[in-house]
Amino acid sequence: MKGSLVSSAIAEPYAQALMSVAQSKDLTNVFGEVFRSLEALIDESPELEDFILNPVVEADAKKAVMRRILGDDAPVELTNFVMLLVDKRRIIFLSAIAQQYLERLRELNNTVLAEVRAAQELSDEQKQAIRDRVKGMTNAQEVELKTQVEPELLGGVIIKVGSQVVDASLRGQLRRIGMRLGQTA
């Protein structure tokens, strides 16, 4: 379910249509929260992803699982949309559609996505410091953080916003020192 050029091209019209429905019902942020939760669940559960992607699994079984995951709190429009994806055998594009929708939602809300890789779990203060730094870099009103722990960084963080990368990791600093030492030798 990870994004590819083909899945992005297929997902875009769906995300655009879903955004139109969400805007007309004033549910843009609600849809966004449901998609974020769904994405996190799929990322944490390879079994769920395999189940959704499996073409042998009956549509009714997929619908039952998706209804349970979405729950009663999800807007009926979004639940119906997911059921339509199952019926049309487009559920394999759910992740790409969610990503496209969230991208549109961030544009609408003047929010940027900062992908942060850290050597260890970040504290709330560290997350806020990163948000403040990214706001200064981008002039965005809000910053959405997507964090990932990578112990091989040794210490520090790597922040990616769009095509900009700020490498404040210990591994990156050691690499830069090594390159400078190599130049002087």
N, C-alpha and C. Protein backbone atom coordinates (compact mmCIF):
# COMPACT_ATOMS: atom_id res chain seq x y z
N MET A 1 0.82 -1.19 0.00
CA MET A 1 0.00 0.00 0.00
C MET A 1 0.86 1.25 0.00
N LYS A 2 2.15 1.09 -0.04
CA LYS A 2 3.01 2.25 -0.05
C LYS A 2 2.88 2.96 -1.38
N GLY A 3 3.13 4.28 -1.36
CA GLY A 3 2.88 5.11 -2.53
C GLY A 3 3.81 4.82 -3.69
N SER A 4 3.26 4.75 -4.86
CA SER A 4 4.03 4.67 -6.10
C SER A 4 3.41 5.69 -7.04
N LEU A 5 4.04 5.89 -8.16
CA LEU A 5 3.53 6.86 -9.12
C LEU A 5 2.14 6.47 -9.62
N VAL A 6 1.94 5.19 -9.90
CA VAL A 6 0.65 4.72 -10.40
C VAL A 6 -0.42 4.88 -9.32
N SER A 7 -0.11 4.45 -8.09
CA SER A 7 -1.13 4.56 -7.03
C SER A 7 -1.42 6.01 -6.70
N SER A 8 -0.44 6.88 -6.81
CA SER A 8 -0.68 8.31 -6.58
C SER A 8 -1.60 8.88 -7.65
N ALA A 9 -1.40 8.47 -8.89
CA ALA A 9 -2.25 8.95 -9.98
C ALA A 9 -3.68 8.46 -9.82
N ILE A 10 -3.85 7.25 -9.35
CA ILE A 10 -5.18 6.71 -9.12
C ILE A 10 -5.80 7.34 -7.88
N ALA A 11 -4.99 7.57 -6.85
CA ALA A 11 -5.50 8.07 -5.57
C ALA A 11 -5.92 9.53 -5.63
N GLU A 12 -5.28 10.33 -6.46
CA GLU A 12 -5.53 11.76 -6.47
C GLU A 12 -6.99 12.14 -6.72
N PRO A 13 -7.64 11.59 -7.76
CA PRO A 13 -9.05 11.96 -7.95
C PRO A 13 -9.95 11.55 -6.78
N TYR A 14 -9.65 10.39 -6.19
CA TYR A 14 -10.43 9.96 -5.03
C TYR A 14 -10.24 10.92 -3.86
N ALA A 15 -8.99 11.30 -3.61
CA ALA A 15 -8.70 12.22 -2.50
C ALA A 15 -9.35 13.57 -2.75
N GLN A 16 -9.32 14.02 -3.99
CA GLN A 16 -9.92 15.30 -4.35
C GLN A 16 -11.44 15.26 -4.14
N ALA A 17 -12.07 14.19 -4.56
CA ALA A 17 -13.51 14.05 -4.38
C ALA A 17 -13.87 13.96 -2.90
N LEU A 18 -13.08 13.23 -2.16
CA LEU A 18 -13.32 13.09 -0.73
C LEU A 18 -13.14 14.43 -0.01
N MET A 19 -12.16 15.21 -0.44
CA MET A 19 -11.95 16.53 0.15
C MET A 19 -13.16 17.42 -0.13
N SER A 20 -13.71 17.34 -1.32
CA SER A 20 -14.90 18.14 -1.66
C SER A 20 -16.07 17.77 -0.77
N VAL A 21 -16.29 16.48 -0.56
CA VAL A 21 -17.37 16.03 0.32
C VAL A 21 -17.10 16.52 1.74
N ALA A 22 -15.87 16.36 2.21
CA ALA A 22 -15.53 16.77 3.57
C ALA A 22 -15.73 18.27 3.77
N GLN A 23 -15.33 19.06 2.78
CA GLN A 23 -15.51 20.51 2.89
C GLN A 23 -16.99 20.88 2.90
N SER A 24 -17.79 20.22 2.09
CA SER A 24 -19.22 20.55 2.05
C SER A 24 -19.92 20.19 3.35
N LYS A 25 -19.40 19.23 4.08
CA LYS A 25 -20.00 18.80 5.36
C LYS A 25 -19.23 19.36 6.56
N ASP A 26 -18.21 20.18 6.31
CA ASP A 26 -17.35 20.74 7.36
C ASP A 26 -16.73 19.62 8.22
N LEU A 27 -16.19 18.61 7.53
CA LEU A 27 -15.59 17.46 8.20
C LEU A 27 -14.14 17.22 7.78
N THR A 28 -13.48 18.24 7.25
CA THR A 28 -12.13 18.02 6.72
C THR A 28 -11.18 17.49 7.78
N ASN A 29 -11.17 18.11 8.95
CA ASN A 29 -10.25 17.68 10.00
C ASN A 29 -10.66 16.34 10.61
N VAL A 30 -11.95 16.07 10.67
CA VAL A 30 -12.42 14.78 11.19
C VAL A 30 -11.95 13.66 10.27
N PHE A 31 -12.13 13.83 8.96
CA PHE A 31 -11.64 12.84 8.00
C PHE A 31 -10.13 12.66 8.16
N GLY A 32 -9.42 13.78 8.35
CA GLY A 32 -7.97 13.72 8.52
C GLY A 32 -7.57 12.89 9.73
N GLU A 33 -8.27 13.08 10.85
CA GLU A 33 -7.95 12.31 12.06
C GLU A 33 -8.22 10.82 11.84
N VAL A 34 -9.32 10.51 11.18
CA VAL A 34 -9.63 9.09 10.91
C VAL A 34 -8.54 8.50 10.01
N PHE A 35 -8.13 9.22 8.99
CA PHE A 35 -7.08 8.72 8.10
C PHE A 35 -5.75 8.56 8.84
N ARG A 36 -5.40 9.50 9.71
CA ARG A 36 -4.15 9.37 10.48
C ARG A 36 -4.19 8.12 11.35
N SER A 37 -5.31 7.89 12.02
CA SER A 37 -5.45 6.70 12.87
C SER A 37 -5.38 5.43 12.04
N LEU A 38 -6.03 5.43 10.90
CA LEU A 38 -6.04 4.27 10.02
C LEU A 38 -4.64 3.98 9.49
N GLU A 39 -3.94 5.02 9.08
CA GLU A 39 -2.56 4.87 8.59
C GLU A 39 -1.66 4.28 9.69
N ALA A 40 -1.78 4.80 10.91
CA ALA A 40 -0.97 4.30 12.02
C ALA A 40 -1.27 2.82 12.28
N LEU A 41 -2.53 2.46 12.24
CA LEU A 41 -2.93 1.08 12.47
C LEU A 41 -2.37 0.16 11.39
N ILE A 42 -2.45 0.59 10.15
CA ILE A 42 -1.93 -0.22 9.05
C ILE A 42 -0.41 -0.33 9.13
N ASP A 43 0.26 0.76 9.50
CA ASP A 43 1.72 0.72 9.65
C ASP A 43 2.15 -0.23 10.76
N GLU A 44 1.36 -0.28 11.83
CA GLU A 44 1.71 -1.13 12.98
C GLU A 44 1.33 -2.59 12.77
N SER A 45 0.47 -2.88 11.80
CA SER A 45 -0.03 -4.24 11.63
C SER A 45 0.15 -4.73 10.20
N PRO A 46 1.26 -5.40 9.93
CA PRO A 46 1.45 -5.97 8.59
C PRO A 46 0.36 -6.98 8.23
N GLU A 47 -0.19 -7.65 9.25
CA GLU A 47 -1.27 -8.61 9.00
C GLU A 47 -2.50 -7.91 8.43
N LEU A 48 -2.83 -6.75 8.99
CA LEU A 48 -3.97 -6.00 8.49
C LEU A 48 -3.72 -5.56 7.05
N GLU A 49 -2.53 -5.06 6.79
CA GLU A 49 -2.19 -4.64 5.43
C GLU A 49 -2.30 -5.82 4.47
N ASP A 50 -1.77 -6.98 4.87
CA ASP A 50 -1.86 -8.17 4.02
C ASP A 50 -3.32 -8.55 3.77
N PHE A 51 -4.15 -8.46 4.80
CA PHE A 51 -5.57 -8.78 4.68
C PHE A 51 -6.25 -7.86 3.68
N ILE A 52 -5.99 -6.57 3.79
CA ILE A 52 -6.60 -5.58 2.90
C ILE A 52 -6.14 -5.79 1.46
N LEU A 53 -4.87 -6.10 1.28
CA LEU A 53 -4.31 -6.25 -0.07
C LEU A 53 -4.63 -7.59 -0.72
N ASN A 54 -5.02 -8.57 0.07
CA ASN A 54 -5.23 -9.92 -0.43
C ASN A 54 -6.46 -9.99 -1.35
N PRO A 55 -6.26 -10.29 -2.64
CA PRO A 55 -7.40 -10.34 -3.56
C PRO A 55 -8.31 -11.55 -3.35
N VAL A 56 -7.85 -12.54 -2.60
CA VAL A 56 -8.63 -13.74 -2.36
C VAL A 56 -9.68 -13.51 -1.27
N VAL A 57 -9.41 -12.58 -0.36
CA VAL A 57 -10.34 -12.30 0.73
C VAL A 57 -11.62 -11.68 0.16
N GLU A 58 -12.74 -12.21 0.58
CA GLU A 58 -14.05 -11.74 0.10
C GLU A 58 -14.30 -10.29 0.50
N ALA A 59 -15.02 -9.58 -0.35
CA ALA A 59 -15.35 -8.18 -0.10
C ALA A 59 -16.13 -8.02 1.21
N ASP A 60 -17.05 -8.94 1.49
CA ASP A 60 -17.84 -8.85 2.73
C ASP A 60 -16.96 -8.93 3.96
N ALA A 61 -15.94 -9.77 3.92
CA ALA A 61 -15.02 -9.90 5.05
C ALA A 61 -14.22 -8.60 5.22
N LYS A 62 -13.77 -8.04 4.12
CA LYS A 62 -13.02 -6.78 4.18
C LYS A 62 -13.91 -5.65 4.72
N LYS A 63 -15.15 -5.62 4.25
CA LYS A 63 -16.08 -4.59 4.73
C LYS A 63 -16.32 -4.72 6.23
N ALA A 64 -16.50 -5.94 6.70
CA ALA A 64 -16.75 -6.16 8.13
C ALA A 64 -15.57 -5.67 8.96
N VAL A 65 -14.37 -6.00 8.52
CA VAL A 65 -13.17 -5.57 9.25
C VAL A 65 -13.03 -4.04 9.21
N MET A 66 -13.23 -3.46 8.04
CA MET A 66 -13.10 -2.01 7.92
C MET A 66 -14.15 -1.28 8.75
N ARG A 67 -15.38 -1.83 8.81
CA ARG A 67 -16.42 -1.21 9.65
C ARG A 67 -16.02 -1.24 11.12
N ARG A 68 -15.45 -2.36 11.55
CA ARG A 68 -15.02 -2.47 12.96
C ARG A 68 -13.88 -1.51 13.25
N ILE A 69 -12.95 -1.38 12.31
CA ILE A 69 -11.81 -0.48 12.50
C ILE A 69 -12.29 0.97 12.56
N LEU A 70 -13.14 1.35 11.62
CA LEU A 70 -13.64 2.72 11.57
C LEU A 70 -14.54 3.02 12.76
N GLY A 71 -15.31 2.04 13.19
CA GLY A 71 -16.17 2.22 14.35
C GLY A 71 -17.39 3.08 14.05
N ASP A 72 -18.18 3.29 15.07
CA ASP A 72 -19.41 4.07 14.94
C ASP A 72 -19.16 5.57 14.91
N ASP A 73 -17.98 6.00 15.36
CA ASP A 73 -17.69 7.43 15.43
C ASP A 73 -17.27 8.03 14.10
N ALA A 74 -16.86 7.19 13.16
CA ALA A 74 -16.42 7.70 11.85
C ALA A 74 -17.62 8.27 11.10
N PRO A 75 -17.43 9.38 10.40
CA PRO A 75 -18.53 9.95 9.62
C PRO A 75 -19.05 8.93 8.60
N VAL A 76 -20.35 8.89 8.43
CA VAL A 76 -20.98 7.93 7.52
C VAL A 76 -20.45 8.11 6.09
N GLU A 77 -20.14 9.34 5.71
CA GLU A 77 -19.61 9.59 4.36
C GLU A 77 -18.27 8.88 4.15
N LEU A 78 -17.44 8.89 5.18
CA LEU A 78 -16.14 8.25 5.07
C LEU A 78 -16.28 6.73 5.09
N THR A 79 -17.15 6.23 5.94
CA THR A 79 -17.39 4.79 5.98
C THR A 79 -17.93 4.31 4.64
N ASN A 80 -18.89 5.04 4.07
CA ASN A 80 -19.44 4.68 2.77
C ASN A 80 -18.36 4.71 1.68
N PHE A 81 -17.47 5.68 1.78
CA PHE A 81 -16.37 5.80 0.82
C PHE A 81 -15.48 4.56 0.88
N VAL A 82 -15.13 4.14 2.08
CA VAL A 82 -14.27 2.96 2.23
C VAL A 82 -14.99 1.71 1.72
N MET A 83 -16.28 1.61 1.98
CA MET A 83 -17.05 0.46 1.47
C MET A 83 -17.09 0.47 -0.07
N LEU A 84 -17.19 1.66 -0.66
CA LEU A 84 -17.15 1.79 -2.11
C LEU A 84 -15.80 1.33 -2.66
N LEU A 85 -14.72 1.68 -1.96
CA LEU A 85 -13.39 1.23 -2.38
C LEU A 85 -13.31 -0.30 -2.38
N VAL A 86 -13.90 -0.92 -1.37
CA VAL A 86 -13.91 -2.39 -1.31
C VAL A 86 -14.71 -2.93 -2.49
N ASP A 87 -15.90 -2.39 -2.72
CA ASP A 87 -16.76 -2.87 -3.81
C ASP A 87 -16.09 -2.73 -5.18
N LYS A 88 -15.38 -1.64 -5.39
CA LYS A 88 -14.75 -1.37 -6.68
C LYS A 88 -13.35 -1.96 -6.78
N ARG A 89 -12.96 -2.76 -5.77
CA ARG A 89 -11.62 -3.38 -5.71
C ARG A 89 -10.50 -2.34 -5.76
N ARG A 90 -10.76 -1.20 -5.12
CA ARG A 90 -9.77 -0.12 -5.05
C ARG A 90 -9.25 0.05 -3.63
N ILE A 91 -9.60 -0.86 -2.73
CA ILE A 91 -9.18 -0.75 -1.33
C ILE A 91 -7.66 -0.82 -1.23
N ILE A 92 -7.01 -1.41 -2.22
CA ILE A 92 -5.55 -1.48 -2.21
C ILE A 92 -4.92 -0.09 -2.29
N PHE A 93 -5.70 0.90 -2.70
CA PHE A 93 -5.20 2.26 -2.80
C PHE A 93 -5.57 3.12 -1.59
N LEU A 94 -6.11 2.49 -0.55
CA LEU A 94 -6.55 3.24 0.62
C LEU A 94 -5.43 4.08 1.23
N SER A 95 -4.26 3.50 1.37
CA SER A 95 -3.14 4.25 1.97
C SER A 95 -2.74 5.43 1.09
N ALA A 96 -2.67 5.21 -0.21
CA ALA A 96 -2.30 6.30 -1.13
C ALA A 96 -3.36 7.40 -1.12
N ILE A 97 -4.63 7.01 -1.04
CA ILE A 97 -5.71 7.99 -0.97
C ILE A 97 -5.62 8.78 0.32
N ALA A 98 -5.36 8.08 1.42
CA ALA A 98 -5.21 8.74 2.73
C ALA A 98 -4.05 9.73 2.69
N GLN A 99 -2.94 9.33 2.12
CA GLN A 99 -1.78 10.23 2.04
C GLN A 99 -2.10 11.46 1.20
N GLN A 100 -2.75 11.26 0.06
CA GLN A 100 -3.12 12.38 -0.80
C GLN A 100 -4.10 13.31 -0.08
N TYR A 101 -5.07 12.72 0.60
CA TYR A 101 -6.04 13.53 1.33
C TYR A 101 -5.35 14.36 2.41
N LEU A 102 -4.46 13.72 3.18
CA LEU A 102 -3.76 14.43 4.25
C LEU A 102 -2.86 15.53 3.70
N GLU A 103 -2.29 15.30 2.53
CA GLU A 103 -1.48 16.33 1.88
C GLU A 103 -2.34 17.55 1.53
N ARG A 104 -3.51 17.28 0.99
CA ARG A 104 -4.45 18.37 0.66
C ARG A 104 -4.92 19.09 1.92
N LEU A 105 -5.16 18.33 2.98
CA LEU A 105 -5.60 18.93 4.24
C LEU A 105 -4.51 19.83 4.82
N ARG A 106 -3.26 19.39 4.73
CA ARG A 106 -2.15 20.23 5.21
C ARG A 106 -2.07 21.52 4.41
N GLU A 107 -2.24 21.45 3.10
CA GLU A 107 -2.24 22.66 2.26
C GLU A 107 -3.37 23.59 2.67
N LEU A 108 -4.54 23.03 2.88
CA LEU A 108 -5.71 23.81 3.27
C LEU A 108 -5.49 24.53 4.60
N ASN A 109 -4.82 23.85 5.53
CA ASN A 109 -4.61 24.39 6.88
C ASN A 109 -3.26 25.09 7.06
N ASN A 110 -2.51 25.28 5.98
CA ASN A 110 -1.17 25.87 6.04
C ASN A 110 -0.30 25.14 7.07
N THR A 111 -0.29 23.82 6.94
CA THR A 111 0.48 22.96 7.83
C THR A 111 1.51 22.21 6.99
N VAL A 112 2.69 22.00 7.56
CA VAL A 112 3.71 21.21 6.86
C VAL A 112 3.95 19.92 7.64
N LEU A 113 4.38 18.91 6.90
CA LEU A 113 4.73 17.63 7.50
C LEU A 113 6.24 17.60 7.69
N ALA A 114 6.65 17.36 8.92
CA ALA A 114 8.07 17.20 9.22
C ALA A 114 8.31 15.75 9.62
N GLU A 115 9.10 15.06 8.81
CA GLU A 115 9.45 13.67 9.12
C GLU A 115 10.73 13.71 9.94
N VAL A 116 10.65 13.22 11.16
CA VAL A 116 11.76 13.31 12.11
C VAL A 116 12.25 11.92 12.45
N ARG A 117 13.53 11.70 12.22
CA ARG A 117 14.18 10.45 12.64
C ARG A 117 15.09 10.81 13.80
N ALA A 118 14.91 10.10 14.91
CA ALA A 118 15.68 10.40 16.12
C ALA A 118 16.31 9.13 16.66
N ALA A 119 17.40 9.30 17.39
CA ALA A 119 18.09 8.16 17.97
C ALA A 119 17.29 7.53 19.10
N GLN A 120 16.47 8.32 19.75
CA GLN A 120 15.61 7.82 20.83
C GLN A 120 14.30 8.58 20.82
N GLU A 121 13.34 8.07 21.58
CA GLU A 121 12.03 8.71 21.64
C GLU A 121 12.18 10.16 22.10
N LEU A 122 11.47 11.07 21.44
CA LEU A 122 11.57 12.49 21.75
C LEU A 122 10.60 12.87 22.86
N SER A 123 11.03 13.79 23.71
CA SER A 123 10.16 14.32 24.75
C SER A 123 9.24 15.37 24.13
N ASP A 124 8.22 15.76 24.87
CA ASP A 124 7.30 16.79 24.38
C ASP A 124 8.03 18.10 24.14
N GLU A 125 8.99 18.43 24.99
CA GLU A 125 9.76 19.67 24.83
C GLU A 125 10.59 19.62 23.54
N GLN A 126 11.20 18.46 23.27
CA GLN A 126 11.99 18.32 22.06
C GLN A 126 11.11 18.42 20.81
N LYS A 127 9.93 17.80 20.87
CA LYS A 127 9.00 17.88 19.74
C LYS A 127 8.57 19.32 19.50
N GLN A 128 8.32 20.06 20.58
CA GLN A 128 7.92 21.46 20.43
C GLN A 128 9.06 22.29 19.85
N ALA A 129 10.30 22.02 20.27
CA ALA A 129 11.45 22.73 19.73
C ALA A 129 11.59 22.47 18.23
N ILE A 130 11.35 21.23 17.82
CA ILE A 130 11.41 20.90 16.39
C ILE A 130 10.30 21.62 15.64
N ARG A 131 9.10 21.62 16.21
CA ARG A 131 7.99 22.34 15.56
C ARG A 131 8.34 23.81 15.37
N ASP A 132 8.89 24.43 16.42
CA ASP A 132 9.25 25.84 16.34
C ASP A 132 10.31 26.08 15.26
N ARG A 133 11.29 25.20 15.18
CA ARG A 133 12.35 25.36 14.18
C ARG A 133 11.78 25.22 12.77
N VAL A 134 10.91 24.23 12.59
CA VAL A 134 10.31 24.01 11.27
C VAL A 134 9.41 25.18 10.89
N LYS A 135 8.66 25.72 11.84
CA LYS A 135 7.82 26.90 11.56
C LYS A 135 8.69 28.05 11.07
N GLY A 136 9.85 28.23 11.70
CA GLY A 136 10.78 29.28 11.29
C GLY A 136 11.33 29.05 9.89
N MET A 137 11.54 27.79 9.54
CA MET A 137 12.09 27.45 8.21
C MET A 137 11.06 27.63 7.11
N THR A 138 9.78 27.38 7.43
CA THR A 138 8.77 27.27 6.39
C THR A 138 7.69 28.35 6.42
N ASN A 139 7.60 29.10 7.49
CA ASN A 139 6.53 30.09 7.70
C ASN A 139 5.13 29.44 7.72
N ALA A 140 5.07 28.17 8.09
CA ALA A 140 3.78 27.48 8.20
C ALA A 140 3.12 27.86 9.52
N GLN A 141 1.78 27.75 9.55
CA GLN A 141 1.07 28.02 10.79
C GLN A 141 1.23 26.87 11.77
N GLU A 142 1.21 25.64 11.26
CA GLU A 142 1.31 24.46 12.10
C GLU A 142 2.29 23.47 11.49
N VAL A 143 2.79 22.57 12.35
CA VAL A 143 3.71 21.53 11.91
C VAL A 143 3.19 20.19 12.42
N GLU A 144 3.05 19.26 11.49
CA GLU A 144 2.65 17.90 11.84
C GLU A 144 3.93 17.06 11.88
N LEU A 145 4.18 16.41 13.00
CA LEU A 145 5.38 15.60 13.14
C LEU A 145 5.08 14.14 12.89
N LYS A 146 5.96 13.50 12.13
CA LYS A 146 5.91 12.06 11.95
C LYS A 146 7.27 11.56 12.41
N THR A 147 7.32 10.95 13.59
CA THR A 147 8.60 10.57 14.19
C THR A 147 8.87 9.09 14.01
N GLN A 148 10.16 8.80 13.94
CA GLN A 148 10.62 7.43 13.81
C GLN A 148 11.92 7.31 14.61
N VAL A 149 12.02 6.27 15.43
CA VAL A 149 13.22 6.06 16.23
C VAL A 149 14.19 5.18 15.45
N GLU A 150 15.44 5.69 15.31
CA GLU A 150 16.51 4.96 14.62
C GLU A 150 17.76 5.02 15.49
N PRO A 151 17.98 4.01 16.34
CA PRO A 151 19.13 4.02 17.25
C PRO A 151 20.48 4.17 16.55
N GLU A 152 20.58 3.75 15.28
CA GLU A 152 21.86 3.84 14.56
C GLU A 152 22.31 5.28 14.31
N LEU A 153 21.44 6.25 14.56
CA LEU A 153 21.84 7.66 14.44
C LEU A 153 22.78 8.08 15.56
N LEU A 154 22.84 7.27 16.62
CA LEU A 154 23.70 7.48 17.78
C LEU A 154 23.19 8.59 18.70
N GLY A 155 22.75 9.68 18.16
CA GLY A 155 22.22 10.80 18.93
C GLY A 155 21.72 11.86 17.97
N GLY A 156 20.90 12.77 18.47
CA GLY A 156 20.39 13.85 17.64
C GLY A 156 19.21 13.44 16.77
N VAL A 157 18.94 14.27 15.75
CA VAL A 157 17.79 14.04 14.88
C VAL A 157 18.12 14.39 13.43
N ILE A 158 17.31 13.85 12.53
CA ILE A 158 17.32 14.25 11.13
C ILE A 158 15.89 14.68 10.83
N ILE A 159 15.75 15.91 10.35
CA ILE A 159 14.42 16.47 10.07
C ILE A 159 14.29 16.67 8.57
N LYS A 160 13.20 16.12 8.00
CA LYS A 160 12.95 16.28 6.57
C LYS A 160 11.61 16.98 6.40
N VAL A 161 11.64 18.13 5.71
CA VAL A 161 10.43 18.88 5.39
C VAL A 161 10.45 19.10 3.88
N GLY A 162 9.57 18.39 3.18
CA GLY A 162 9.59 18.47 1.73
C GLY A 162 10.92 17.95 1.22
N SER A 163 11.64 18.79 0.47
CA SER A 163 12.95 18.38 -0.04
C SER A 163 14.10 18.86 0.84
N GLN A 164 13.79 19.62 1.88
CA GLN A 164 14.82 20.11 2.80
C GLN A 164 15.12 19.07 3.86
N VAL A 165 16.42 18.85 4.12
CA VAL A 165 16.84 17.92 5.16
C VAL A 165 17.82 18.62 6.08
N VAL A 166 17.54 18.56 7.38
CA VAL A 166 18.44 19.09 8.39
C VAL A 166 18.98 17.90 9.16
N ASP A 167 20.27 17.63 9.00
CA ASP A 167 20.90 16.49 9.68
C ASP A 167 21.63 16.99 10.92
N ALA A 168 20.98 16.85 12.06
CA ALA A 168 21.59 17.22 13.34
C ALA A 168 21.87 15.97 14.16
N SER A 169 22.17 14.87 13.44
CA SER A 169 22.44 13.61 14.13
C SER A 169 23.93 13.50 14.42
N LEU A 170 24.26 12.73 15.42
CA LEU A 170 25.66 12.49 15.76
C LEU A 170 26.35 11.75 14.62
N ARG A 171 25.67 10.80 14.01
CA ARG A 171 26.24 10.07 12.88
C ARG A 171 26.57 11.03 11.74
N GLY A 172 25.67 11.97 11.46
CA GLY A 172 25.91 12.95 10.40
C GLY A 172 27.07 13.87 10.73
N GLN A 173 27.16 14.28 11.99
CA GLN A 173 28.27 15.15 12.40
C GLN A 173 29.59 14.41 12.27
N LEU A 174 29.63 13.14 12.68
CA LEU A 174 30.86 12.35 12.56
C LEU A 174 31.24 12.17 11.09
N ARG A 175 30.26 11.96 10.22
CA ARG A 175 30.52 11.82 8.79
C ARG A 175 31.12 13.12 8.22
N ARG A 176 30.55 14.27 8.63
CA ARG A 176 31.07 15.55 8.13
C ARG A 176 32.49 15.80 8.64
N ILE A 177 32.78 15.45 9.88
CA ILE A 177 34.14 15.61 10.43
C ILE A 177 35.10 14.71 9.65
N GLY A 178 34.66 13.48 9.38
CA GLY A 178 35.51 12.55 8.61
C GLY A 178 35.81 13.09 7.22
N MET A 179 34.81 13.72 6.60
CA MET A 179 35.02 14.27 5.25
C MET A 179 36.00 15.43 5.32
N ARG A 180 35.90 16.27 6.35
CA ARG A 180 36.83 17.41 6.48
C ARG A 180 38.24 16.92 6.73
N LEU A 181 38.37 15.90 7.57
CA LEU A 181 39.69 15.34 7.86
C LEU A 181 40.28 14.71 6.59
N GLY A 182 39.44 14.10 5.80
CA GLY A 182 39.90 13.49 4.53
C GLY A 182 40.39 14.54 3.55
N GLN A 183 39.78 15.74 3.59
CA GLN A 183 40.18 16.80 2.68
C GLN A 183 41.52 17.41 3.07
N THR A 184 41.81 17.43 4.38
CA THR A 184 43.06 18.05 4.83
C THR A 184 44.24 17.11 4.78
N ALA A 185 43.98 15.80 4.63
CA ALA A 185 45.07 14.84 4.63
C ALA A 185 45.80 14.80 3.31
